[in-house]
C-alpha cells in the first residue's frame, strides 16, 4: 500500500506559489500603468531668458514681463500655467495670481485667464497712453505653441504691485517678482526666475 501523506504539502505549496505569482502580476500591471499616466515626461525647454522692465514717462504705468523660449521642445500653450508672485514691504503684499486657460483670446488678458488676485495682472490690451507692447501672453506666429524664439509677455498692474521708486498714488510698494511657468500634464516647472526692483 502506497503512502499518500507527502502529496498534500507539495500540492498546497504549488497552489500558494501560483496565487502569489498571479497577485504579483496583477498588482505590478496596475501600479506600472498608473505610474505611466502620472509621470508624463516634461518638455525639454533647454534654455529660456526672462526680463522684467518698468518704464517712466507717458507709459509710466508699464511693467512688462517677458520670458523667451531660446532652445528646446515646442510646448502647447494650453498645457502651461504661469504663476506670478509679488512681494514687498507694503501690507497688501505678498500677492499671487495664476495665468490659466491659455492662450488668451485676442490681445488682452481677461478675468477668465486669471486665478487668484486679478489686480496683480494688467488686463488692458495696451498700456496707458496707447503705446508700448500689447498685453499678449504669447507673441508668435502660432499663439497655440511656445516654440524656440517665441516670447511669453504680459504686464503687471501698478495698482496691484508698484515696482517704481517711489510708488505712485498710494499703490502697494513691491520689490520682488517671482515668475514660474508650470507644464501641467507633467507638473514640471520649466521656467522659474525672481526679479528685483
Protein backbone atom coordinates (compact mmCIF):
# COMPACT_ATOMS: atom_id res chain seq x y z
CA UNK A 1 0.00 0.00 0.00
CA UNK A 2 1.33 3.42 -1.00
CA UNK A 3 1.83 6.24 1.48
CA UNK A 4 -0.18 9.37 0.36
CA UNK A 5 0.82 11.77 3.15
CA UNK A 6 3.61 13.56 1.19
CA UNK A 7 1.35 14.71 -1.70
CA UNK A 8 -0.76 17.26 0.23
CA UNK A 9 2.12 19.57 1.28
CA UNK A 10 3.53 19.61 -2.27
CA UNK A 11 0.16 20.45 -3.85
CA UNK A 12 -0.55 23.18 -1.28
CA UNK A 13 2.90 24.73 -1.86
CA UNK A 14 2.33 24.79 -5.64
CA UNK A 15 -1.09 26.45 -5.14
CA UNK A 16 0.32 29.10 -2.79
CA UNK A 17 3.16 29.92 -5.23
CA UNK A 18 0.68 30.18 -8.13
CA UNK A 19 -1.58 32.54 -6.15
CA UNK A 20 1.39 34.75 -5.19
CA UNK A 21 2.60 34.94 -8.80
CA UNK A 22 -0.88 35.87 -10.05
CA UNK A 23 -1.31 38.55 -7.37
CA UNK A 24 2.17 39.99 -8.04
CA UNK A 25 1.46 40.18 -11.78
CA UNK A 26 -1.90 41.87 -11.23
CA UNK A 27 -0.52 44.42 -8.77
CA UNK A 28 2.51 45.26 -10.92
CA UNK A 29 0.36 45.82 -14.02
CA UNK A 30 -1.95 48.13 -12.05
CA UNK A 31 0.88 50.08 -10.40
CA UNK A 32 3.00 50.45 -13.55
CA UNK A 33 0.01 51.50 -15.64
CA UNK A 34 -0.91 54.21 -13.09
CA UNK A 35 2.71 55.40 -12.87
CA UNK A 36 2.92 55.86 -16.63
CA UNK A 37 -0.20 58.06 -16.57
CA UNK A 38 1.10 60.22 -13.70
CA UNK A 39 4.64 60.74 -14.95
CA UNK A 40 4.11 62.08 -18.46
CA UNK A 41 7.51 63.43 -19.46
CA UNK A 42 8.02 67.16 -19.29
CA UNK A 43 9.06 69.00 -22.44
CA UNK A 44 12.76 69.76 -22.68
CA UNK A 45 12.90 73.55 -22.62
CA UNK A 46 16.67 73.69 -22.67
CA UNK A 47 17.11 77.43 -22.33
CA UNK A 48 14.92 80.42 -21.54
CA UNK A 49 15.63 84.04 -20.74
CA UNK A 50 13.46 86.29 -18.61
CA UNK A 51 13.22 90.05 -18.31
CA UNK A 52 11.13 92.40 -16.18
CA UNK A 53 11.11 96.09 -17.10
CA UNK A 54 9.43 99.18 -15.71
CA UNK A 55 9.05 102.41 -17.68
CA UNK A 56 8.59 106.08 -16.86
CA UNK A 57 7.07 108.95 -18.77
CA UNK A 58 4.00 108.51 -20.98
CA UNK A 59 3.91 104.77 -20.39
CA UNK A 60 4.84 105.27 -16.73
CA UNK A 61 2.50 102.51 -15.58
CA UNK A 62 4.13 99.94 -17.84
CA UNK A 63 5.63 96.94 -16.00
CA UNK A 64 6.35 94.21 -18.55
CA UNK A 65 7.35 90.58 -18.03
CA UNK A 66 8.94 88.80 -20.99
CA UNK A 67 10.08 85.16 -21.00
CA UNK A 68 11.70 83.99 -24.23
CA UNK A 69 11.98 80.33 -25.22
CA UNK A 70 15.55 80.16 -26.57
CA UNK A 71 16.01 76.45 -27.29
CA UNK A 72 14.28 73.11 -26.76
CA UNK A 73 10.97 71.38 -27.45
CA UNK A 74 7.83 73.13 -28.62
CA UNK A 75 5.23 73.37 -25.83
CA UNK A 76 1.45 73.55 -26.26
CA UNK A 77 0.37 76.82 -24.62
CA UNK A 78 -2.83 75.20 -23.34
CA UNK A 79 -0.59 72.96 -21.17
CA UNK A 80 1.03 75.95 -19.44
CA UNK A 81 0.16 77.80 -16.26
CA UNK A 82 2.07 80.93 -15.22
CA UNK A 83 2.39 81.67 -11.51
CA UNK A 84 3.03 85.34 -10.69
CA UNK A 85 4.01 86.32 -7.14
CA UNK A 86 4.78 89.86 -6.00
CA UNK A 87 6.27 90.74 -2.63
CA UNK A 88 7.35 93.93 -0.91
CA UNK A 89 7.20 95.99 2.26
CA UNK A 90 3.58 97.07 1.72
CA UNK A 91 0.98 95.41 3.93
CA UNK A 92 -1.08 94.42 0.83
CA UNK A 93 1.80 92.21 -0.34
CA UNK A 94 2.68 89.40 -0.91
CA UNK A 95 0.08 88.55 -3.53
CA UNK A 96 -0.27 85.84 -6.18
CA UNK A 97 -2.09 85.29 -9.47
CA UNK A 98 -2.04 82.42 -11.94
CA UNK A 99 -2.48 82.84 -15.68
CA UNK A 100 -4.68 79.95 -16.80
CA UNK A 101 -6.90 78.94 -19.75
CA UNK A 102 -4.19 79.87 -22.21
CA UNK A 103 -3.78 81.04 -24.89
CA UNK A 104 -5.79 84.23 -24.46
CA UNK A 105 -8.45 85.30 -26.93
CA UNK A 106 -7.12 88.35 -28.71
CA UNK A 107 -4.66 90.90 -27.34
CA UNK A 108 -5.87 91.19 -23.76
CA UNK A 109 -5.77 89.01 -20.69
CA UNK A 110 -9.28 88.61 -19.28
CA UNK A 111 -10.56 87.67 -15.84
CA UNK A 112 -11.21 84.12 -17.15
CA UNK A 113 -7.42 83.85 -17.66
CA UNK A 114 -6.61 84.81 -14.06
CA UNK A 115 -6.92 82.76 -10.91
CA UNK A 116 -6.11 84.50 -7.63
CA UNK A 117 -5.50 88.25 -7.28
CA UNK A 118 -6.85 89.77 -10.51
CA UNK A 119 -5.49 93.19 -9.51
CA UNK A 120 -1.93 91.94 -9.99
CA UNK A 121 -2.28 91.40 -13.76
CA UNK A 122 -2.92 94.28 -16.18
CA UNK A 123 -6.00 93.30 -18.22
CA UNK A 124 -5.92 96.13 -20.77
CA UNK A 125 -4.83 95.45 -24.34
CA UNK A 126 -2.47 98.46 -24.43
CA UNK A 127 -0.70 100.32 -21.62
CA UNK A 128 -1.78 103.83 -20.56
CA UNK A 129 -1.06 106.35 -23.31
CA UNK A 130 -1.85 103.76 -26.01
CA UNK A 131 1.75 102.87 -26.78
CA UNK A 132 4.02 100.01 -25.84
CA UNK A 133 3.75 96.24 -26.16
CA UNK A 134 0.36 94.61 -26.44
CA UNK A 135 -0.68 92.55 -23.43
CA UNK A 136 -0.34 89.16 -25.09
CA UNK A 137 0.57 86.04 -23.20
CA UNK A 138 2.49 84.71 -26.20
CA UNK A 139 3.94 86.56 -29.14
CA UNK A 140 4.49 84.24 -32.08
CA UNK A 141 3.01 83.27 -35.41
CA UNK A 142 1.09 80.44 -33.74
CA UNK A 143 -0.24 81.53 -30.33
CA UNK A 144 -1.07 77.90 -29.51
CA UNK A 145 2.59 76.82 -29.38
CA UNK A 146 5.51 78.22 -27.37
CA UNK A 147 8.48 77.42 -29.62
CA UNK A 148 12.11 78.49 -29.73
CA UNK A 149 12.23 82.22 -30.49
CA UNK A 150 8.75 82.88 -29.05
CA UNK A 151 8.14 85.20 -26.09
CA UNK A 152 5.55 84.99 -23.34
CA UNK A 153 4.68 88.57 -22.46
CA UNK A 154 2.27 90.21 -20.03
CA UNK A 155 2.08 93.28 -17.80
CA UNK A 156 1.95 93.66 -14.03
CA UNK A 157 -0.62 96.26 -12.92
CA UNK A 158 0.84 99.04 -10.79
CA UNK A 159 -2.39 99.05 -8.78
CA UNK A 160 -1.58 95.51 -7.63
CA UNK A 161 2.20 95.86 -7.20
CA UNK A 162 4.09 99.05 -7.97
CA UNK A 163 7.79 98.44 -8.69
CA UNK A 164 8.56 102.10 -9.40
CA UNK A 165 10.73 104.01 -6.93
CA UNK A 166 8.87 105.56 -5.24
CA UNK A 167 5.40 104.04 -5.82
CA UNK A 168 2.83 106.46 -7.22
CA UNK A 169 -0.69 107.33 -6.00
CA UNK A 170 -0.59 105.07 -2.93
CA UNK A 171 -0.08 101.88 -4.96
CA UNK A 172 1.37 98.93 -2.99
CA UNK A 173 5.17 99.13 -2.95
CA UNK A 174 6.75 95.99 -4.42
CA UNK A 175 10.38 94.97 -4.74
CA UNK A 176 10.35 91.30 -5.77
CA UNK A 177 8.56 89.50 -8.58
CA UNK A 178 8.72 85.71 -8.99
CA UNK A 179 7.58 84.10 -12.24
CA UNK A 180 7.11 80.34 -12.53
CA UNK A 181 5.92 78.55 -15.68
CA UNK A 182 4.45 75.12 -14.99
CA UNK A 183 3.80 72.36 -17.55
CA UNK A 184 0.50 70.98 -16.19
CA UNK A 185 0.45 67.45 -17.70
CA UNK A 186 3.81 66.59 -16.12
CA UNK A 187 3.52 69.01 -13.16
CA UNK A 188 7.06 70.17 -14.01
CA UNK A 189 8.50 73.67 -13.65
CA UNK A 190 10.00 74.67 -16.99
CA UNK A 191 10.93 78.27 -16.05
CA UNK A 192 11.45 80.00 -12.73
CA UNK A 193 13.06 83.35 -12.01
CA UNK A 194 12.90 86.11 -9.40
CA UNK A 195 13.25 89.75 -10.45
CA UNK A 196 14.03 92.56 -8.02
CA UNK A 197 13.29 96.25 -8.39
